[in-house]
Protein backbone atom coordinates (compact mmCIF):
# COMPACT_ATOMS: atom_id res chain seq x y z
CA MET A 1 121.18 108.28 96.03
CA SER A 2 120.60 104.78 96.90
CA LYS A 3 116.83 103.71 97.88
CA LYS A 4 116.98 102.50 101.20
CA LYS A 5 115.46 98.51 101.14
CA TYR A 6 112.18 98.51 103.58
CA LYS A 7 112.38 95.13 105.82
CA ARG A 8 109.94 94.65 108.43
CA ARG A 9 111.04 93.55 111.55
CA GLN A 10 107.90 92.31 113.38
CA TYR A 11 106.27 89.26 111.63
CA ILE A 12 103.13 89.26 113.68
CA VAL A 13 101.75 92.89 112.66
CA ASP A 14 97.77 92.79 112.88
CA THR A 15 97.12 89.46 115.15
CA ARG A 16 93.86 89.13 114.66
CA PHE A 17 93.95 89.21 110.99
CA GLN A 18 96.90 86.84 110.90
CA TYR A 19 96.19 84.48 113.19
CA SER A 20 92.90 83.97 111.26
CA LEU A 21 94.64 83.25 108.64
CA MET A 22 97.07 80.91 109.96
CA GLY A 23 93.82 79.40 111.80
CA LYS A 24 91.83 78.80 108.22
CA PHE A 25 96.02 77.19 106.97
CA ALA A 26 95.59 75.14 110.03
CA ILE A 27 92.40 73.84 109.35
CA LEU A 28 93.05 72.90 105.97
CA THR A 29 96.52 71.15 107.05
CA ALA A 30 94.42 69.14 109.66
CA CYS A 31 91.88 68.19 106.86
CA VAL A 32 95.58 66.83 104.95
CA VAL A 33 96.54 65.13 108.11
CA ILE A 34 93.04 63.42 108.39
CA GLY A 35 92.87 62.43 104.93
CA SER A 36 96.00 60.74 105.02
CA LEU A 37 95.53 59.22 108.21
CA SER A 38 92.07 57.98 106.69
CA PHE A 39 93.61 56.61 103.94
CA LEU A 40 95.99 54.41 105.44
CA VAL A 41 93.35 53.01 107.73
CA HIS A 42 91.13 52.46 104.43
CA VAL A 43 94.31 50.52 102.82
CA TYR A 44 94.77 48.50 105.98
CA HIS A 45 91.06 47.69 106.41
CA LYS A 46 90.72 46.62 102.69
CA TYR A 47 93.74 44.73 102.02
CA GLY A 48 94.47 43.85 105.54
CA ASP A 49 98.14 42.22 106.18
CA ILE A 50 99.09 41.47 102.31
CA GLN A 51 102.55 40.38 102.89
CA VAL A 52 104.84 41.79 100.26
CA SER A 53 108.31 40.96 99.09
CA VAL A 54 111.11 43.14 99.19
CA VAL A 55 114.57 41.60 97.09
CA GLN A 56 117.80 43.46 98.62
CA PRO A 57 120.31 44.19 96.22
CA VAL A 58 123.18 41.46 96.58
CA PRO A 59 126.72 42.12 95.94
CA PHE A 60 128.41 40.43 92.84
CA GLY A 61 130.79 38.37 94.83
CA LEU A 62 128.34 37.45 97.31
CA LEU A 63 125.47 35.78 94.92
CA ASP A 64 126.97 32.18 95.73
CA SER A 65 127.20 32.21 99.36
CA LEU A 66 123.47 33.24 100.08
CA VAL A 67 121.20 30.40 100.75
CA ASP A 68 117.58 30.88 98.97
CA GLY A 69 115.14 33.65 100.53
CA GLU A 70 118.19 34.84 102.48
CA GLY A 71 118.38 38.18 100.44
CA VAL A 72 114.45 38.35 100.58
CA SER A 73 112.53 40.31 103.12
CA THR A 74 108.52 40.12 103.65
CA TYR A 75 106.76 42.87 105.16
CA THR A 76 102.76 44.04 105.64
CA LEU A 77 102.22 46.67 103.33
CA LEU A 78 101.13 48.37 106.90
CA ASP A 79 105.26 48.38 107.70
CA LEU A 80 105.66 50.01 104.12
CA LEU A 81 103.37 52.93 104.38
CA TRP A 82 103.17 54.20 108.24
CA PRO A 83 106.43 55.91 108.20
CA VAL A 84 105.71 57.51 105.46
CA LEU A 85 102.21 58.60 106.13
CA ALA A 86 103.80 59.35 109.91
CA ILE A 87 106.36 61.63 108.28
CA CYS A 88 104.41 63.52 105.75
CA PRO A 89 101.44 64.74 107.92
CA VAL A 90 104.38 66.13 110.64
CA GLY A 91 106.22 68.10 107.54
CA THR A 92 103.11 69.52 105.89
CA ILE A 93 102.35 70.99 109.69
CA ILE A 94 105.35 72.34 109.44
CA PHE A 95 105.23 73.49 106.20
CA THR A 96 101.88 75.11 106.50
CA PHE A 97 102.87 76.72 109.74
CA PHE A 98 105.48 78.65 107.86
CA PHE A 99 103.55 79.30 104.72
CA SER A 100 100.78 80.51 106.64
CA LEU A 101 103.39 82.92 108.49
CA ILE A 102 104.89 84.48 105.50
CA VAL A 103 101.59 84.62 103.27
CA SER A 104 99.47 86.62 106.18
CA HIS A 105 103.07 88.67 106.57
CA ARG A 106 102.77 89.69 103.24
CA MET A 107 98.98 90.67 103.58
CA ALA A 108 98.74 92.03 107.07
CA GLY A 109 102.15 94.20 106.59
CA PRO A 110 100.71 96.31 104.10
CA VAL A 111 97.09 96.17 105.55
CA TYR A 112 98.64 97.81 108.89
CA ARG A 113 100.50 100.28 106.88
CA MET A 114 97.54 101.51 104.52
CA ARG A 115 95.28 101.56 108.45
CA CYS A 116 98.58 103.90 109.65
CA LEU A 117 97.91 105.93 106.57
CA LEU A 118 94.50 106.53 106.54
CA VAL A 119 94.56 107.64 110.51
CA GLU A 120 97.41 109.84 109.32
CA MET A 121 94.56 111.50 106.54
CA VAL A 122 91.99 111.78 109.11
CA LYS A 123 93.84 113.67 111.28
CA GLY A 124 94.68 116.02 108.43
CA ASP A 125 98.47 114.81 108.47
CA LEU A 126 99.60 115.23 104.71
CA SER A 127 102.82 115.65 105.43
CA ARG A 128 104.89 112.43 104.90
CA PRO A 129 105.70 111.64 101.30
CA VAL A 130 104.10 108.82 99.25
CA SER A 131 105.57 105.66 100.76
CA ARG A 132 106.13 102.07 98.97
CA LEU A 133 105.48 98.74 99.95
CA ARG A 134 107.88 95.98 99.81
CA ARG A 135 108.31 93.65 96.08
CA LYS A 136 106.40 90.93 97.73
CA ASP A 137 103.72 92.46 99.42
CA GLU A 138 99.70 92.13 98.31
CA PHE A 139 97.53 95.42 98.18
CA LYS A 140 99.62 97.28 95.92
CA HIS A 141 97.05 98.60 93.86
CA LEU A 142 95.08 99.39 96.59
CA PHE A 143 97.96 101.21 98.62
CA ALA A 144 99.08 102.90 95.34
CA ASP A 145 95.39 104.34 95.43
CA ILE A 146 95.45 105.50 99.01
CA ASN A 147 98.50 107.44 98.07
CA THR A 148 96.94 108.46 94.37
CA VAL A 149 94.48 110.60 97.05
CA LYS A 150 96.65 111.56 99.71
CA GLU A 151 99.22 112.98 97.07
CA HIS A 152 95.79 114.55 95.46
CA TRP A 153 93.94 116.14 98.56
CA ARG A 154 98.09 117.60 99.56
CA THR A 155 98.31 119.00 96.23
CA GLN A 156 94.39 120.62 96.57
CA ILE A 157 95.32 121.83 100.21
CA ARG A 158 98.76 123.52 99.04
CA GLU A 159 96.70 125.25 96.33
CA LEU A 160 93.65 126.49 98.84
CA ARG A 161 96.69 127.46 101.13
CA LEU A 162 97.99 129.62 98.53
CA ALA A 163 95.12 131.04 97.15
CA CYS A 164 94.21 132.07 100.92
CA GLN A 165 97.66 134.00 101.32
CA GLU A 166 97.22 135.05 97.64
CA LEU A 167 94.28 136.61 99.14
CA GLY A 168 95.24 138.40 102.07
CA GLU A 169 97.97 140.20 100.11
CA ASN A 170 96.19 141.54 96.41
CA GLY A 171 93.69 143.05 96.00
CA SER A 172 92.17 140.64 93.50
CA GLN A 173 89.65 139.09 95.63
CA GLU A 174 87.43 137.85 92.88
CA GLN A 175 90.21 135.78 91.00
CA GLN A 176 90.86 134.14 94.26
CA LEU A 177 87.79 133.05 95.69
CA LYS A 178 86.75 131.62 92.16
CA ARG A 179 89.99 129.36 92.29
CA ILE A 180 88.92 128.40 96.33
CA LYS A 181 85.50 127.94 95.13
CA GLU A 182 86.49 125.30 92.28
CA ILE A 183 89.18 123.47 94.58
CA ALA A 184 86.12 123.43 97.27
CA SER A 185 83.45 122.32 94.77
CA SER A 186 85.49 119.49 93.79
CA PHE A 187 85.20 117.63 97.17
CA LYS A 188 81.38 116.23 97.80
CA THR A 189 80.30 116.33 100.81
CA GLU A 190 76.71 115.58 100.19
CA ILE A 191 75.04 113.09 98.11
CA GLU A 192 73.31 114.27 95.81
């Protein structure tokens, strides 16, 4: 048998959680954008219109044909910095959006599955087999603990049903009642 690889088809699973997490990433991105623009303003106010000379590379055969200064261009510092500082925030915003979507998906998906599993357990449905998370999902230890509890309850309830069935069939009621009492006492229902 080959294991079926589980892949979610919907990226927004828990809207409140994911949008909240994406909002926090958006605030972080806004801080980066504001910081980079503040840096640009600071550099401009501190250095003003400093002229920067950029020497263009000259092909080998054309060196004699150039007149003095023809291969040198002069730019202000702001002319050199604004394209970089304009592209970086846009790239940061795009990267942060997709990064936060992927991270929130790896967190919200398992939380959604755990909530569904707990709702089934509350309803008393322990029939579904133990499920697994995807390889890169978060909260694997918590999910494994919930599955352990589910499997333990399933085993205990099977034993209770078997003991009740044998209690109805056999005449040795004392032994079956003792086993039922042991199983029932393994669950604490009140604080001592």
